[in-house]
Amino acid sequence: MEATMELVNLKLYLENRCIMEENERLRKKALLLRQENQALLSHLRVTNFTSITTPPQPFTTK
């Protein structure tokens, strides 16, 4: 009976380790995605600000 409990405990321990490793991997991925999102938003704001503050160029044909 004690050996069975040890095996169950070991199985749960290993399962928990896998979950914790996956959680860490996902946390790092979420951080990178957040940084990428912030960079894209910053670029979008600069682009929009530039297009708002720059007067339109007249259309010319050559």
PDB file of N, CA and C in Angstrom:
ATOM      1  N   MET A   1       0.824  -1.199   0.000  1.00  0.00           N
ATOM      2  CA  MET A   1       0.000   0.000   0.000  1.00  0.00           C
ATOM      3  C   MET A   1       0.869   1.264   0.000  1.00  0.00           C
ATOM      4  N   GLU A   2       1.927   1.261   0.781  1.00  0.00           N
ATOM      5  CA  GLU A   2       2.808   2.437   0.844  1.00  0.00           C
ATOM      6  C   GLU A   2       3.528   2.665  -0.483  1.00  0.00           C
ATOM      7  N   ALA A   3       3.920   1.599  -1.164  1.00  0.00           N
ATOM      8  CA  ALA A   3       4.578   1.724  -2.464  1.00  0.00           C
ATOM      9  C   ALA A   3       3.616   2.318  -3.490  1.00  0.00           C
ATOM     10  N   THR A   4       2.348   1.929  -3.419  1.00  0.00           N
ATOM     11  CA  THR A   4       1.350   2.471  -4.327  1.00  0.00           C
ATOM     12  C   THR A   4       1.192   3.972  -4.113  1.00  0.00           C
ATOM     13  N   MET A   5       1.146   4.384  -2.856  1.00  0.00           N
ATOM     14  CA  MET A   5       1.010   5.804  -2.536  1.00  0.00           C
ATOM     15  C   MET A   5       2.238   6.579  -3.019  1.00  0.00           C
ATOM     16  N   GLU A   6       3.405   5.992  -2.899  1.00  0.00           N
ATOM     17  CA  GLU A   6       4.622   6.640  -3.383  1.00  0.00           C
ATOM     18  C   GLU A   6       4.589   6.808  -4.894  1.00  0.00           C
ATOM     19  N   LEU A   7       4.092   5.812  -5.606  1.00  0.00           N
ATOM     20  CA  LEU A   7       3.981   5.901  -7.057  1.00  0.00           C
ATOM     21  C   LEU A   7       2.971   6.972  -7.467  1.00  0.00           C
ATOM     22  N   VAL A   8       1.844   7.020  -6.765  1.00  0.00           N
ATOM     23  CA  VAL A   8       0.844   8.042  -7.056  1.00  0.00           C
ATOM     24  C   VAL A   8       1.437   9.423  -6.788  1.00  0.00           C
ATOM     25  N   ASN A   9       2.136   9.550  -5.678  1.00  0.00           N
ATOM     26  CA  ASN A   9       2.762  10.819  -5.321  1.00  0.00           C
ATOM     27  C   ASN A   9       3.797  11.225  -6.369  1.00  0.00           C
ATOM     28  N   LEU A  10       4.609  10.278  -6.816  1.00  0.00           N
ATOM     29  CA  LEU A  10       5.616  10.561  -7.841  1.00  0.00           C
ATOM     30  C   LEU A  10       4.949  10.986  -9.142  1.00  0.00           C
ATOM     31  N   LYS A  11       3.882  10.290  -9.521  1.00  0.00           N
ATOM     32  CA  LYS A  11       3.166  10.639 -10.748  1.00  0.00           C
ATOM     33  C   LYS A  11       2.610  12.059 -10.655  1.00  0.00           C
ATOM     34  N   LEU A  12       2.016  12.399  -9.524  1.00  0.00           N
ATOM     35  CA  LEU A  12       1.465  13.742  -9.347  1.00  0.00           C
ATOM     36  C   LEU A  12       2.570  14.798  -9.328  1.00  0.00           C
ATOM     37  N   TYR A  13       3.686  14.467  -8.709  1.00  0.00           N
ATOM     38  CA  TYR A  13       4.823  15.390  -8.670  1.00  0.00           C
ATOM     39  C   TYR A  13       5.321  15.679 -10.095  1.00  0.00           C
ATOM     40  N   LEU A  14       5.500  14.638 -10.898  1.00  0.00           N
ATOM     41  CA  LEU A  14       5.983  14.814 -12.267  1.00  0.00           C
ATOM     42  C   LEU A  14       4.974  15.574 -13.119  1.00  0.00           C
ATOM     43  N   GLU A  15       3.700  15.295 -12.923  1.00  0.00           N
ATOM     44  CA  GLU A  15       2.665  16.012 -13.655  1.00  0.00           C
ATOM     45  C   GLU A  15       2.690  17.499 -13.279  1.00  0.00           C
ATOM     46  N   ASN A  16       2.853  17.777 -12.002  1.00  0.00           N
ATOM     47  CA  ASN A  16       2.931  19.154 -11.527  1.00  0.00           C
ATOM     48  C   ASN A  16       4.152  19.867 -12.114  1.00  0.00           C
ATOM     49  N   ARG A  17       5.269  19.187 -12.180  1.00  0.00           N
ATOM     50  CA  ARG A  17       6.482  19.778 -12.782  1.00  0.00           C
ATOM     51  C   ARG A  17       6.245  20.143 -14.248  1.00  0.00           C
ATOM     52  N   CYS A  18       5.584  19.258 -14.976  1.00  0.00           N
ATOM     53  CA  CYS A  18       5.285  19.528 -16.388  1.00  0.00           C
ATOM     54  C   CYS A  18       4.382  20.751 -16.520  1.00  0.00           C
ATOM     55  N   ILE A  19       3.383  20.836 -15.650  1.00  0.00           N
ATOM     56  CA  ILE A  19       2.469  21.980 -15.686  1.00  0.00           C
ATOM     57  C   ILE A  19       3.217  23.263 -15.366  1.00  0.00           C
ATOM     58  N   MET A  20       4.105  23.223 -14.387  1.00  0.00           N
ATOM     59  CA  MET A  20       4.875  24.412 -14.020  1.00  0.00           C
ATOM     60  C   MET A  20       5.820  24.831 -15.145  1.00  0.00           C
ATOM     61  N   GLU A  21       6.440  23.882 -15.824  1.00  0.00           N
ATOM     62  CA  GLU A  21       7.321  24.192 -16.948  1.00  0.00           C
ATOM     63  C   GLU A  21       6.528  24.795 -18.106  1.00  0.00           C
ATOM     64  N   GLU A  22       5.359  24.243 -18.386  1.00  0.00           N
ATOM     65  CA  GLU A  22       4.503  24.779 -19.443  1.00  0.00           C
ATOM     66  C   GLU A  22       4.036  26.189 -19.077  1.00  0.00           C
ATOM     67  N   ASN A  23       3.699  26.392 -17.822  1.00  0.00           N
ATOM     68  CA  ASN A  23       3.283  27.710 -17.350  1.00  0.00           C
ATOM     69  C   ASN A  23       4.405  28.736 -17.543  1.00  0.00           C
ATOM     70  N   GLU A  24       5.613  28.364 -17.228  1.00  0.00           N
ATOM     71  CA  GLU A  24       6.757  29.267 -17.394  1.00  0.00           C
ATOM     72  C   GLU A  24       6.981  29.581 -18.875  1.00  0.00           C
ATOM     73  N   ARG A  25       6.867  28.559 -19.720  1.00  0.00           N
ATOM     74  CA  ARG A  25       7.037  28.754 -21.161  1.00  0.00           C
ATOM     75  C   ARG A  25       5.970  29.720 -21.695  1.00  0.00           C
ATOM     76  N   LEU A  26       4.742  29.526 -21.264  1.00  0.00           N
ATOM     77  CA  LEU A  26       3.650  30.394 -21.717  1.00  0.00           C
ATOM     78  C   LEU A  26       3.798  31.813 -21.166  1.00  0.00           C
ATOM     79  N   ARG A  27       4.299  31.934 -19.943  1.00  0.00           N
ATOM     80  CA  ARG A  27       4.512  33.254 -19.354  1.00  0.00           C
ATOM     81  C   ARG A  27       5.541  34.040 -20.160  1.00  0.00           C
ATOM     82  N   LYS A  28       6.619  33.368 -20.552  1.00  0.00           N
ATOM     83  CA  LYS A  28       7.653  34.020 -21.363  1.00  0.00           C
ATOM     84  C   LYS A  28       7.098  34.406 -22.734  1.00  0.00           C
ATOM     85  N   LYS A  29       6.295  33.522 -23.323  1.00  0.00           N
ATOM     86  CA  LYS A  29       5.707  33.810 -24.628  1.00  0.00           C
ATOM     87  C   LYS A  29       4.752  35.004 -24.529  1.00  0.00           C
ATOM     88  N   ALA A  30       3.969  35.053 -23.463  1.00  0.00           N
ATOM     89  CA  ALA A  30       3.035  36.162 -23.267  1.00  0.00           C
ATOM     90  C   ALA A  30       3.790  37.478 -23.101  1.00  0.00           C
ATOM     91  N   LEU A  31       4.913  37.443 -22.404  1.00  0.00           N
ATOM     92  CA  LEU A  31       5.722  38.647 -22.223  1.00  0.00           C
ATOM     93  C   LEU A  31       6.258  39.143 -23.569  1.00  0.00           C
ATOM     94  N   LEU A  32       6.744  38.229 -24.400  1.00  0.00           N
ATOM     95  CA  LEU A  32       7.246  38.615 -25.721  1.00  0.00           C
ATOM     96  C   LEU A  32       6.127  39.176 -26.604  1.00  0.00           C
ATOM     97  N   LEU A  33       4.964  38.553 -26.544  1.00  0.00           N
ATOM     98  CA  LEU A  33       3.828  39.048 -27.332  1.00  0.00           C
ATOM     99  C   LEU A  33       3.393  40.426 -26.848  1.00  0.00           C
ATOM    100  N   ARG A  34       3.432  40.651 -25.548  1.00  0.00           N
ATOM    101  CA  ARG A  34       3.064  41.961 -25.001  1.00  0.00           C
ATOM    102  C   ARG A  34       4.052  43.029 -25.474  1.00  0.00           C
ATOM    103  N   GLN A  35       5.341  42.690 -25.453  1.00  0.00           N
ATOM    104  CA  GLN A  35       6.364  43.639 -25.913  1.00  0.00           C
ATOM    105  C   GLN A  35       6.181  43.938 -27.400  1.00  0.00           C
ATOM    106  N   GLU A  36       5.908  42.907 -28.175  1.00  0.00           N
ATOM    107  CA  GLU A  36       5.684  43.098 -29.619  1.00  0.00           C
ATOM    108  C   GLU A  36       4.454  43.978 -29.848  1.00  0.00           C
ATOM    109  N   ASN A  37       3.397  43.730 -29.087  1.00  0.00           N
ATOM    110  CA  ASN A  37       2.176  44.517 -29.211  1.00  0.00           C
ATOM    111  C   ASN A  37       2.445  45.983 -28.871  1.00  0.00           C
ATOM    112  N   GLN A  38       3.205  46.228 -27.820  1.00  0.00           N
ATOM    113  CA  GLN A  38       3.527  47.605 -27.446  1.00  0.00           C
ATOM    114  C   GLN A  38       4.339  48.293 -28.534  1.00  0.00           C
ATOM    115  N   ALA A  39       5.283  47.574 -29.124  1.00  0.00           N
ATOM    116  CA  ALA A  39       6.092  48.152 -30.198  1.00  0.00           C
ATOM    117  C   ALA A  39       5.221  48.480 -31.415  1.00  0.00           C
ATOM    118  N   LEU A  40       4.311  47.589 -31.765  1.00  0.00           N
ATOM    119  CA  LEU A  40       3.427  47.834 -32.903  1.00  0.00           C
ATOM    120  C   LEU A  40       2.488  49.012 -32.636  1.00  0.00           C
ATOM    121  N   LEU A  41       1.957  49.100 -31.420  1.00  0.00           N
ATOM    122  CA  LEU A  41       1.096  50.231 -31.074  1.00  0.00           C
ATOM    123  C   LEU A  41       1.865  51.543 -31.126  1.00  0.00           C
ATOM    124  N   SER A  42       3.090  51.520 -30.655  1.00  0.00           N
ATOM    125  CA  SER A  42       3.922  52.720 -30.690  1.00  0.00           C
ATOM    126  C   SER A  42       4.168  53.146 -32.131  1.00  0.00           C
ATOM    127  N   HIS A  43       4.484  52.189 -32.978  1.00  0.00           N
ATOM    128  CA  HIS A  43       4.713  52.476 -34.398  1.00  0.00           C
ATOM    129  C   HIS A  43       3.443  53.033 -35.050  1.00  0.00           C
ATOM    130  N   LEU A  44       2.310  52.441 -34.699  1.00  0.00           N
ATOM    131  CA  LEU A  44       1.037  52.901 -35.251  1.00  0.00           C
ATOM    132  C   LEU A  44       0.741  54.338 -34.817  1.00  0.00           C
ATOM    133  N   ARG A  45       1.013  54.633 -33.558  1.00  0.00           N
ATOM    134  CA  ARG A  45       0.779  55.998 -33.070  1.00  0.00           C
ATOM    135  C   ARG A  45       1.667  57.002 -33.796  1.00  0.00           C
ATOM    136  N   VAL A  46       2.933  56.651 -33.986  1.00  0.00           N
ATOM    137  CA  VAL A  46       3.857  57.541 -34.692  1.00  0.00           C
ATOM    138  C   VAL A  46       3.392  57.728 -36.128  1.00  0.00           C
ATOM    139  N   THR A  47       3.016  56.645 -36.778  1.00  0.00           N
ATOM    140  CA  THR A  47       2.555  56.711 -38.167  1.00  0.00           C
ATOM    141  C   THR A  47       1.298  57.568 -38.277  1.00  0.00           C
ATOM    142  N   ASN A  48       0.354  57.355 -37.369  1.00  0.00           N
ATOM    143  CA  ASN A  48      -0.882  58.134 -37.394  1.00  0.00           C
ATOM    144  C   ASN A  48      -0.600  59.606 -37.089  1.00  0.00           C
ATOM    145  N   PHE A  49       0.275  59.865 -36.137  1.00  0.00           N
ATOM    146  CA  PHE A  49       0.610  61.244 -35.795  1.00  0.00           C
ATOM    147  C   PHE A  49       1.264  61.938 -36.983  1.00  0.00           C
ATOM    148  N   THR A  50       2.165  61.223 -37.645  1.00  0.00           N
ATOM    149  CA  THR A  50       2.843  61.794 -38.812  1.00  0.00           C
ATOM    150  C   THR A  50       1.841  62.089 -39.926  1.00  0.00           C
ATOM    151  N   SER A  51       0.915  61.198 -40.163  1.00  0.00           N
ATOM    152  CA  SER A  51      -0.056  61.415 -41.241  1.00  0.00           C
ATOM    153  C   SER A  51      -1.026  62.539 -40.890  1.00  0.00           C
ATOM    154  N   ILE A  52      -1.266  62.746 -39.602  1.00  0.00           N
ATOM    155  CA  ILE A  52      -2.159  63.831 -39.187  1.00  0.00           C
ATOM    156  C   ILE A  52      -1.457  65.180 -39.297  1.00  0.00           C
ATOM    157  N   THR A  53      -0.184  65.228 -38.925  1.00  0.00           N
ATOM    158  CA  THR A  53       0.541  66.495 -38.893  1.00  0.00           C
ATOM    159  C   THR A  53       1.177  66.873 -40.216  1.00  0.00           C
ATOM    160  N   THR A  54       1.262  65.939 -41.156  1.00  0.00           N
ATOM    161  CA  THR A  54       1.861  66.223 -42.459  1.00  0.00           C
ATOM    162  C   THR A  54       0.750  66.599 -43.436  1.00  0.00           C
ATOM    163  N   PRO A  55       0.838  67.778 -44.030  1.00  0.00           N
ATOM    164  CA  PRO A  55      -0.208  68.160 -44.974  1.00  0.00           C
ATOM    165  C   PRO A  55      -0.165  67.262 -46.210  1.00  0.00           C
ATOM    166  N   PRO A  56      -1.299  67.007 -46.791  1.00  0.00           N
ATOM    167  CA  PRO A  56      -1.323  66.143 -47.980  1.00  0.00           C
ATOM    168  C   PRO A  56      -0.563  66.777 -49.139  1.00  0.00           C
ATOM    169  N   GLN A  57       0.096  65.952 -49.900  1.00  0.00           N
ATOM    170  CA  GLN A  57       0.852  66.411 -51.064  1.00  0.00           C
ATOM    171  C   GLN A  57      -0.107  66.549 -52.239  1.00  0.00           C
ATOM    172  N   PRO A  58       0.050  67.594 -53.031  1.00  0.00           N
ATOM    173  CA  PRO A  58      -0.837  67.733 -54.198  1.00  0.00           C
ATOM    174  C   PRO A  58      -0.574  66.633 -55.205  1.00  0.00           C
ATOM    175  N   PHE A  59      -1.612  66.207 -55.855  1.00  0.00           N
ATOM    176  CA  PHE A  59      -1.498  65.150 -56.858  1.00  0.00           C
ATOM    177  C   PHE A  59      -1.021  65.770 -58.165  1.00  0.00           C
ATOM    178  N   THR A  60       0.070  65.265 -58.666  1.00  0.00           N
ATOM    179  CA  THR A  60       0.601  65.780 -59.936  1.00  0.00           C
ATOM    180  C   THR A  60       0.792  64.632 -60.901  1.00  0.00           C
ATOM    181  N   THR A  61       0.601  64.927 -62.150  1.00  0.00           N
ATOM    182  CA  THR A  61       0.873  63.920 -63.197  1.00  0.00           C
ATOM    183  C   THR A  61       2.046  64.404 -64.024  1.00  0.00           C
ATOM    184  N   LYS A  62       2.833  63.478 -64.440  1.00  0.00           N
ATOM    185  CA  LYS A  62       4.028  63.832 -65.224  1.00  0.00           C
ATOM    186  C   LYS A  62       3.884  63.363 -66.641  1.00  0.00           C
TER     187      LYS A  62
END
